[in-house]
């Protein structure tokens, strides 16, 4: 799966949890999931579960802690595919 395709799916999964929808229009790999998109940290668990389901991967708890930006999520997923 191409990196751009992974990023599109990541954004699709994140979108229902985003409180700052304006940030979606200027999204880059450096966009912070918590600070820029305003995804509630408790909802991050739901996001990670959705990543696991969508991509058929398993994400360890310590790996979740390293996911701060959209690019981090894409890198993690690409590394597991």
PDB file of N, CA and C in Angstrom:
ATOM      1  N   UNK A   1       0.844  -1.183   0.000  1.00  0.00           N
ATOM      2  CA  UNK A   1       0.000   0.000   0.000  1.00  0.00           C
ATOM      3  C   UNK A   1       0.886   1.241   0.000  1.00  0.00           C
ATOM      4  N   UNK A   2       0.564   2.191  -0.850  1.00  0.00           N
ATOM      5  CA  UNK A   2       1.346   3.416  -0.970  1.00  0.00           C
ATOM      6  C   UNK A   2       1.173   4.300   0.266  1.00  0.00           C
ATOM      7  N   UNK A   3       2.217   5.038   0.583  1.00  0.00           N
ATOM      8  CA  UNK A   3       2.192   5.941   1.737  1.00  0.00           C
ATOM      9  C   UNK A   3       1.045   6.942   1.637  1.00  0.00           C
ATOM     10  N   UNK A   4       0.796   7.477   0.437  1.00  0.00           N
ATOM     11  CA  UNK A   4      -0.284   8.455   0.261  1.00  0.00           C
ATOM     12  C   UNK A   4      -1.647   7.831   0.545  1.00  0.00           C
ATOM     13  N   UNK A   5      -1.793   6.561   0.191  1.00  0.00           N
ATOM     14  CA  UNK A   5      -3.047   5.854   0.452  1.00  0.00           C
ATOM     15  C   UNK A   5      -3.234   5.636   1.956  1.00  0.00           C
ATOM     16  N   UNK A   6      -2.148   5.296   2.633  1.00  0.00           N
ATOM     17  CA  UNK A   6      -2.201   5.130   4.088  1.00  0.00           C
ATOM     18  C   UNK A   6      -2.601   6.455   4.741  1.00  0.00           C
ATOM     19  N   UNK A   7      -2.003   7.567   4.279  1.00  0.00           N
ATOM     20  CA  UNK A   7      -2.322   8.870   4.869  1.00  0.00           C
ATOM     21  C   UNK A   7      -3.794   9.218   4.654  1.00  0.00           C
ATOM     22  N   UNK A   8      -4.320   8.945   3.466  1.00  0.00           N
ATOM     23  CA  UNK A   8      -5.733   9.231   3.205  1.00  0.00           C
ATOM     24  C   UNK A   8      -6.635   8.451   4.160  1.00  0.00           C
ATOM     25  N   UNK A   9      -6.299   7.179   4.378  1.00  0.00           N
ATOM     26  CA  UNK A   9      -7.104   6.353   5.286  1.00  0.00           C
ATOM     27  C   UNK A   9      -6.962   6.830   6.735  1.00  0.00           C
ATOM     28  N   UNK A  10      -5.768   7.243   7.123  1.00  0.00           N
ATOM     29  CA  UNK A  10      -5.543   7.780   8.467  1.00  0.00           C
ATOM     30  C   UNK A  10      -6.417   9.017   8.684  1.00  0.00           C
ATOM     31  N   UNK A  11      -6.431   9.913   7.713  1.00  0.00           N
ATOM     32  CA  UNK A  11      -7.236  11.133   7.820  1.00  0.00           C
ATOM     33  C   UNK A  11      -8.724  10.792   7.875  1.00  0.00           C
ATOM     34  N   UNK A  12      -9.151   9.832   7.071  1.00  0.00           N
ATOM     35  CA  UNK A  12     -10.549   9.401   7.081  1.00  0.00           C
ATOM     36  C   UNK A  12     -10.938   8.856   8.455  1.00  0.00           C
ATOM     37  N   UNK A  13     -10.056   8.075   9.050  1.00  0.00           N
ATOM     38  CA  UNK A  13     -10.320   7.512  10.380  1.00  0.00           C
ATOM     39  C   UNK A  13     -10.336   8.614  11.439  1.00  0.00           C
ATOM     40  N   UNK A  14      -9.437   9.566  11.345  1.00  0.00           N
ATOM     41  CA  UNK A  14      -9.354  10.648  12.332  1.00  0.00           C
ATOM     42  C   UNK A  14     -10.530  11.627  12.258  1.00  0.00           C
ATOM     43  N   UNK A  15     -11.037  11.872  11.063  1.00  0.00           N
ATOM     44  CA  UNK A  15     -12.017  12.933  10.833  1.00  0.00           C
ATOM     45  C   UNK A  15     -13.197  12.963  11.806  1.00  0.00           C
ATOM     46  N   UNK A  16     -13.855  11.837  12.115  1.00  0.00           N
ATOM     47  CA  UNK A  16     -14.991  11.915  13.053  1.00  0.00           C
ATOM     48  C   UNK A  16     -14.615  12.363  14.467  1.00  0.00           C
ATOM     49  N   UNK A  17     -13.332  12.276  14.822  1.00  0.00           N
ATOM     50  CA  UNK A  17     -12.883  12.624  16.170  1.00  0.00           C
ATOM     51  C   UNK A  17     -12.303  14.038  16.257  1.00  0.00           C
ATOM     52  N   UNK A  18     -12.140  14.699  15.118  1.00  0.00           N
ATOM     53  CA  UNK A  18     -11.498  16.007  15.059  1.00  0.00           C
ATOM     54  C   UNK A  18     -12.459  17.096  15.544  1.00  0.00           C
ATOM     55  N   UNK A  19     -11.962  17.922  16.487  1.00  0.00           N
ATOM     56  CA  UNK A  19     -12.758  19.049  16.995  1.00  0.00           C
ATOM     57  C   UNK A  19     -12.434  20.335  16.222  1.00  0.00           C
ATOM     58  N   UNK A  20     -11.233  20.419  15.670  1.00  0.00           N
ATOM     59  CA  UNK A  20     -10.815  21.591  14.902  1.00  0.00           C
ATOM     60  C   UNK A  20     -10.815  21.227  13.417  1.00  0.00           C
ATOM     61  N   UNK A  21     -11.993  21.283  12.808  1.00  0.00           N
ATOM     62  CA  UNK A  21     -12.124  20.857  11.419  1.00  0.00           C
ATOM     63  C   UNK A  21     -11.347  21.737  10.448  1.00  0.00           C
ATOM     64  N   UNK A  22     -11.109  22.985  10.810  1.00  0.00           N
ATOM     65  CA  UNK A  22     -10.334  23.879   9.948  1.00  0.00           C
ATOM     66  C   UNK A  22      -8.919  23.340   9.747  1.00  0.00           C
ATOM     67  N   UNK A  23      -8.381  22.665  10.746  1.00  0.00           N
ATOM     68  CA  UNK A  23      -7.020  22.124  10.648  1.00  0.00           C
ATOM     69  C   UNK A  23      -6.935  21.009   9.616  1.00  0.00           C
ATOM     70  N   UNK A  24      -8.059  20.381   9.305  1.00  0.00           N
ATOM     71  CA  UNK A  24      -8.049  19.326   8.286  1.00  0.00           C
ATOM     72  C   UNK A  24      -7.714  19.887   6.910  1.00  0.00           C
ATOM     73  N   UNK A  25      -8.036  21.149   6.671  1.00  0.00           N
ATOM     74  CA  UNK A  25      -7.795  21.745   5.355  1.00  0.00           C
ATOM     75  C   UNK A  25      -6.327  22.062   5.117  1.00  0.00           C
ATOM     76  N   UNK A  26      -5.548  22.173   6.204  1.00  0.00           N
ATOM     77  CA  UNK A  26      -4.121  22.485   6.074  1.00  0.00           C
ATOM     78  C   UNK A  26      -3.262  21.358   6.638  1.00  0.00           C
ATOM     79  N   UNK A  27      -3.798  20.169   6.645  1.00  0.00           N
ATOM     80  CA  UNK A  27      -3.133  19.016   7.249  1.00  0.00           C
ATOM     81  C   UNK A  27      -1.822  18.676   6.554  1.00  0.00           C
ATOM     82  N   UNK A  28      -0.792  18.439   7.353  1.00  0.00           N
ATOM     83  CA  UNK A  28       0.511  17.986   6.859  1.00  0.00           C
ATOM     84  C   UNK A  28       0.951  16.813   7.742  1.00  0.00           C
ATOM     85  N   UNK A  29       2.041  16.129   7.375  1.00  0.00           N
ATOM     86  CA  UNK A  29       2.542  15.068   8.256  1.00  0.00           C
ATOM     87  C   UNK A  29       2.916  15.572   9.652  1.00  0.00           C
ATOM     88  N   UNK A  30       3.203  16.876   9.776  1.00  0.00           N
ATOM     89  CA  UNK A  30       3.592  17.459  11.069  1.00  0.00           C
ATOM     90  C   UNK A  30       2.400  17.913  11.908  1.00  0.00           C
ATOM     91  N   UNK A  31       1.190  17.765  11.389  1.00  0.00           N
ATOM     92  CA  UNK A  31      -0.004  18.179  12.125  1.00  0.00           C
ATOM     93  C   UNK A  31      -0.159  17.307  13.372  1.00  0.00           C
ATOM     94  N   UNK A  32      -0.260  17.961  14.526  1.00  0.00           N
ATOM     95  CA  UNK A  32      -0.422  17.244  15.791  1.00  0.00           C
ATOM     96  C   UNK A  32      -1.861  16.756  15.926  1.00  0.00           C
ATOM     97  N   UNK A  33      -2.003  15.495  16.244  1.00  0.00           N
ATOM     98  CA  UNK A  33      -3.343  14.906  16.385  1.00  0.00           C
ATOM     99  C   UNK A  33      -4.066  15.517  17.579  1.00  0.00           C
ATOM    100  N   UNK A  34      -3.373  15.669  18.695  1.00  0.00           N
ATOM    101  CA  UNK A  34      -4.007  16.207  19.895  1.00  0.00           C
ATOM    102  C   UNK A  34      -4.085  17.735  19.877  1.00  0.00           C
ATOM    103  N   UNK A  35      -2.969  18.410  19.557  1.00  0.00           N
ATOM    104  CA  UNK A  35      -2.919  19.868  19.662  1.00  0.00           C
ATOM    105  C   UNK A  35      -3.566  20.596  18.490  1.00  0.00           C
ATOM    106  N   UNK A  36      -3.295  20.161  17.260  1.00  0.00           N
ATOM    107  CA  UNK A  36      -3.824  20.862  16.084  1.00  0.00           C
ATOM    108  C   UNK A  36      -5.233  20.401  15.719  1.00  0.00           C
ATOM    109  N   UNK A  37      -5.426  19.093  15.686  1.00  0.00           N
ATOM    110  CA  UNK A  37      -6.741  18.561  15.300  1.00  0.00           C
ATOM    111  C   UNK A  37      -7.711  18.523  16.482  1.00  0.00           C
ATOM    112  N   UNK A  38      -7.161  18.683  17.694  1.00  0.00           N
ATOM    113  CA  UNK A  38      -7.972  18.698  18.924  1.00  0.00           C
ATOM    114  C   UNK A  38      -8.726  17.385  19.150  1.00  0.00           C
ATOM    115  N   UNK A  39      -8.082  16.279  18.800  1.00  0.00           N
ATOM    116  CA  UNK A  39      -8.675  14.971  19.095  1.00  0.00           C
ATOM    117  C   UNK A  39      -8.491  14.729  20.591  1.00  0.00           C
ATOM    118  N   UNK A  40      -9.563  14.403  21.270  1.00  0.00           N
ATOM    119  CA  UNK A  40      -9.537  14.125  22.699  1.00  0.00           C
ATOM    120  C   UNK A  40      -8.616  12.935  22.958  1.00  0.00           C
ATOM    121  N   UNK A  41      -7.741  13.043  23.951  1.00  0.00           N
ATOM    122  CA  UNK A  41      -6.778  11.968  24.208  1.00  0.00           C
ATOM    123  C   UNK A  41      -7.461  10.640  24.535  1.00  0.00           C
ATOM    124  N   UNK A  42      -8.619  10.688  25.149  1.00  0.00           N
ATOM    125  CA  UNK A  42      -9.351   9.452  25.430  1.00  0.00           C
ATOM    126  C   UNK A  42      -9.844   8.811  24.129  1.00  0.00           C
ATOM    127  N   UNK A  43     -10.140   9.613  23.134  1.00  0.00           N
ATOM    128  CA  UNK A  43     -10.596   9.113  21.840  1.00  0.00           C
ATOM    129  C   UNK A  43      -9.469   8.510  21.024  1.00  0.00           C
ATOM    130  N   UNK A  44      -8.231   8.805  21.402  1.00  0.00           N
ATOM    131  CA  UNK A  44      -7.085   8.266  20.677  1.00  0.00           C
ATOM    132  C   UNK A  44      -7.086   6.739  20.716  1.00  0.00           C
ATOM    133  N   UNK A  45      -7.617   6.171  21.781  1.00  0.00           N
ATOM    134  CA  UNK A  45      -7.732   4.713  21.873  1.00  0.00           C
ATOM    135  C   UNK A  45      -8.647   4.198  20.767  1.00  0.00           C
ATOM    136  N   UNK A  46      -9.777   4.879  20.556  1.00  0.00           N
ATOM    137  CA  UNK A  46     -10.704   4.494  19.485  1.00  0.00           C
ATOM    138  C   UNK A  46     -10.043   4.618  18.118  1.00  0.00           C
ATOM    139  N   UNK A  47      -9.255   5.672  17.946  1.00  0.00           N
ATOM    140  CA  UNK A  47      -8.551   5.900  16.679  1.00  0.00           C
ATOM    141  C   UNK A  47      -7.573   4.755  16.414  1.00  0.00           C
ATOM    142  N   UNK A  48      -6.802   4.385  17.431  1.00  0.00           N
ATOM    143  CA  UNK A  48      -5.814   3.315  17.267  1.00  0.00           C
ATOM    144  C   UNK A  48      -6.513   1.984  16.970  1.00  0.00           C
ATOM    145  N   UNK A  49      -7.618   1.710  17.653  1.00  0.00           N
ATOM    146  CA  UNK A  49      -8.378   0.493  17.368  1.00  0.00           C
ATOM    147  C   UNK A  49      -8.871   0.494  15.922  1.00  0.00           C
ATOM    148  N   UNK A  50      -9.291   1.644  15.439  1.00  0.00           N
ATOM    149  CA  UNK A  50      -9.732   1.752  14.044  1.00  0.00           C
ATOM    150  C   UNK A  50      -8.567   1.520  13.081  1.00  0.00           C
ATOM    151  N   UNK A  51      -7.371   2.029  13.431  1.00  0.00           N
ATOM    152  CA  UNK A  51      -6.175   1.769  12.615  1.00  0.00           C
ATOM    153  C   UNK A  51      -5.917   0.262  12.542  1.00  0.00           C
ATOM    154  N   UNK A  52      -5.996  -0.397  13.699  1.00  0.00           N
ATOM    155  CA  UNK A  52      -5.742  -1.836  13.745  1.00  0.00           C
ATOM    156  C   UNK A  52      -6.725  -2.597  12.860  1.00  0.00           C
ATOM    157  N   UNK A  53      -7.994  -2.229  12.947  1.00  0.00           N
ATOM    158  CA  UNK A  53      -9.023  -2.898  12.141  1.00  0.00           C
ATOM    159  C   UNK A  53      -8.839  -2.624  10.652  1.00  0.00           C
ATOM    160  N   UNK A  54      -8.629  -1.371  10.307  1.00  0.00           N
ATOM    161  CA  UNK A  54      -8.533  -0.965   8.900  1.00  0.00           C
ATOM    162  C   UNK A  54      -7.321  -1.584   8.202  1.00  0.00           C
ATOM    163  N   UNK A  55      -6.189  -1.612   8.916  1.00  0.00           N
ATOM    164  CA  UNK A  55      -4.941  -2.049   8.280  1.00  0.00           C
ATOM    165  C   UNK A  55      -4.528  -3.478   8.653  1.00  0.00           C
ATOM    166  N   UNK A  56      -5.281  -4.115   9.557  1.00  0.00           N
ATOM    167  CA  UNK A  56      -4.949  -5.481   9.954  1.00  0.00           C
ATOM    168  C   UNK A  56      -3.624  -5.573  10.691  1.00  0.00           C
ATOM    169  N   UNK A  57      -3.381  -4.606  11.572  1.00  0.00           N
ATOM    170  CA  UNK A  57      -2.125  -4.570  12.331  1.00  0.00           C
ATOM    171  C   UNK A  57      -2.435  -4.588  13.826  1.00  0.00           C
ATOM    172  N   UNK A  58      -1.387  -4.772  14.627  1.00  0.00           N
ATOM    173  CA  UNK A  58      -1.493  -4.632  16.075  1.00  0.00           C
ATOM    174  C   UNK A  58      -0.545  -3.531  16.512  1.00  0.00           C
ATOM    175  N   UNK A  59      -1.039  -2.642  17.374  1.00  0.00           N
ATOM    176  CA  UNK A  59      -0.239  -1.527  17.867  1.00  0.00           C
ATOM    177  C   UNK A  59      -0.084  -1.691  19.372  1.00  0.00           C
ATOM    178  N   UNK A  60       1.157  -1.812  19.828  1.00  0.00           N
ATOM    179  CA  UNK A  60       1.447  -1.962  21.254  1.00  0.00           C
ATOM    180  C   UNK A  60       1.243  -0.624  21.975  1.00  0.00           C
ATOM    181  N   UNK A  61       0.974  -0.708  23.273  1.00  0.00           N
ATOM    182  CA  UNK A  61       0.730   0.498  24.072  1.00  0.00           C
ATOM    183  C   UNK A  61       1.877   1.500  23.980  1.00  0.00           C
ATOM    184  N   UNK A  62       3.120   1.013  24.024  1.00  0.00           N
ATOM    185  CA  UNK A  62       4.259   1.935  23.960  1.00  0.00           C
ATOM    186  C   UNK A  62       4.384   2.583  22.582  1.00  0.00           C
ATOM    187  N   UNK A  63       3.894   1.905  21.545  1.00  0.00           N
ATOM    188  CA  UNK A  63       3.918   2.496  20.201  1.00  0.00           C
ATOM    189  C   UNK A  63       2.883   3.615  20.092  1.00  0.00           C
ATOM    190  N   UNK A  64       1.769   3.466  20.779  1.00  0.00           N
ATOM    191  CA  UNK A  64       0.725   4.495  20.757  1.00  0.00           C
ATOM    192  C   UNK A  64       1.271   5.797  21.336  1.00  0.00           C
ATOM    193  N   UNK A  65       2.071   5.696  22.382  1.00  0.00           N
ATOM    194  CA  UNK A  65       2.640   6.887  23.017  1.00  0.00           C
ATOM    195  C   UNK A  65       3.514   7.694  22.069  1.00  0.00           C
ATOM    196  N   UNK A  66       4.079   7.035  21.058  1.00  0.00           N
ATOM    197  CA  UNK A  66       4.965   7.707  20.101  1.00  0.00           C
ATOM    198  C   UNK A  66       4.198   8.380  18.964  1.00  0.00           C
ATOM    199  N   UNK A  67       2.901   8.147  18.888  1.00  0.00           N
ATOM    200  CA  UNK A  67       2.096   8.741  17.819  1.00  0.00           C
ATOM    201  C   UNK A  67       1.582  10.103  18.272  1.00  0.00           C
ATOM    202  N   UNK A  68       2.261  11.151  17.790  1.00  0.00           N
ATOM    203  CA  UNK A  68       1.902  12.520  18.150  1.00  0.00           C
ATOM    204  C   UNK A  68       1.316  13.247  16.943  1.00  0.00           C
ATOM    205  N   UNK A  69       1.888  13.002  15.772  1.00  0.00           N
ATOM    206  CA  UNK A  69       1.462  13.697  14.556  1.00  0.00           C
ATOM    207  C   UNK A  69       0.816  12.720  13.572  1.00  0.00           C
ATOM    208  N   UNK A  70       0.203  13.275  12.554  1.00  0.00           N
ATOM    209  CA  UNK A  70      -0.366  12.450  11.482  1.00  0.00           C
ATOM    210  C   UNK A  70       0.751  11.638  10.832  1.00  0.00           C
ATOM    211  N   UNK A  71       1.905  12.260  10.639  1.00  0.00           N
ATOM    212  CA  UNK A  71       3.051  11.569  10.051  1.00  0.00           C
ATOM    213  C   UNK A  71       3.518  10.398  10.908  1.00  0.00           C
ATOM    214  N   UNK A  72       3.478  10.567  12.236  1.00  0.00           N
ATOM    215  CA  UNK A  72       3.845   9.469  13.137  1.00  0.00           C
ATOM    216  C   UNK A  72       2.916   8.274  12.922  1.00  0.00           C
ATOM    217  N   UNK A  73       1.628   8.550  12.798  1.00  0.00           N
ATOM    218  CA  UNK A  73       0.644   7.474  12.575  1.00  0.00           C
ATOM    219  C   UNK A  73       0.916   6.775  11.252  1.00  0.00           C
ATOM    220  N   UNK A  74       1.167   7.546  10.211  1.00  0.00           N
ATOM    221  CA  UNK A  74       1.441   6.980   8.896  1.00  0.00           C
ATOM    222  C   UNK A  74       2.729   6.134   8.932  1.00  0.00           C
ATOM    223  N   UNK A  75       3.768   6.664   9.579  1.00  0.00           N
ATOM    224  CA  UNK A  75       5.024   5.920   9.685  1.00  0.00           C
ATOM    225  C   UNK A  75       4.842   4.610  10.435  1.00  0.00           C
ATOM    226  N   UNK A  76       4.117   4.638  11.537  1.00  0.00           N
ATOM    227  CA  UNK A  76       3.871   3.440  12.323  1.00  0.00           C
ATOM    228  C   UNK A  76       3.141   2.393  11.495  1.00  0.00           C
ATOM    229  N   UNK A  77       2.088   2.822  10.812  1.00  0.00           N
ATOM    230  CA  UNK A  77       1.282   1.896  10.016  1.00  0.00           C
ATOM    231  C   UNK A  77       2.101   1.337   8.853  1.00  0.00           C
ATOM    232  N   UNK A  78       2.811   2.204   8.130  1.00  0.00           N
ATOM    233  CA  UNK A  78       3.631   1.748   7.002  1.00  0.00           C
ATOM    234  C   UNK A  78       4.691   0.754   7.465  1.00  0.00           C
ATOM    235  N   UNK A  79       5.225   0.965   8.660  1.00  0.00           N
ATOM    236  CA  UNK A  79       6.241   0.072   9.197  1.00  0.00           C
ATOM    237  C   UNK A  79       5.702  -1.304   9.538  1.00  0.00           C
ATOM    238  N   UNK A  80       4.398  -1.401   9.734  1.00  0.00           N
ATOM    239  CA  UNK A  80       3.769  -2.675  10.098  1.00  0.00           C
ATOM    240  C   UNK A  80       3.138  -3.395   8.913  1.00  0.00           C
ATOM    241  N   UNK A  81       3.024  -2.714   7.794  1.00  0.00           N
ATOM    242  CA  UNK A  81       2.398  -3.339   6.602  1.00  0.00           C
ATOM    243  C   UNK A  81       3.411  -4.137   5.807  1.00  0.00           C
TER     244      UNK A  81
END
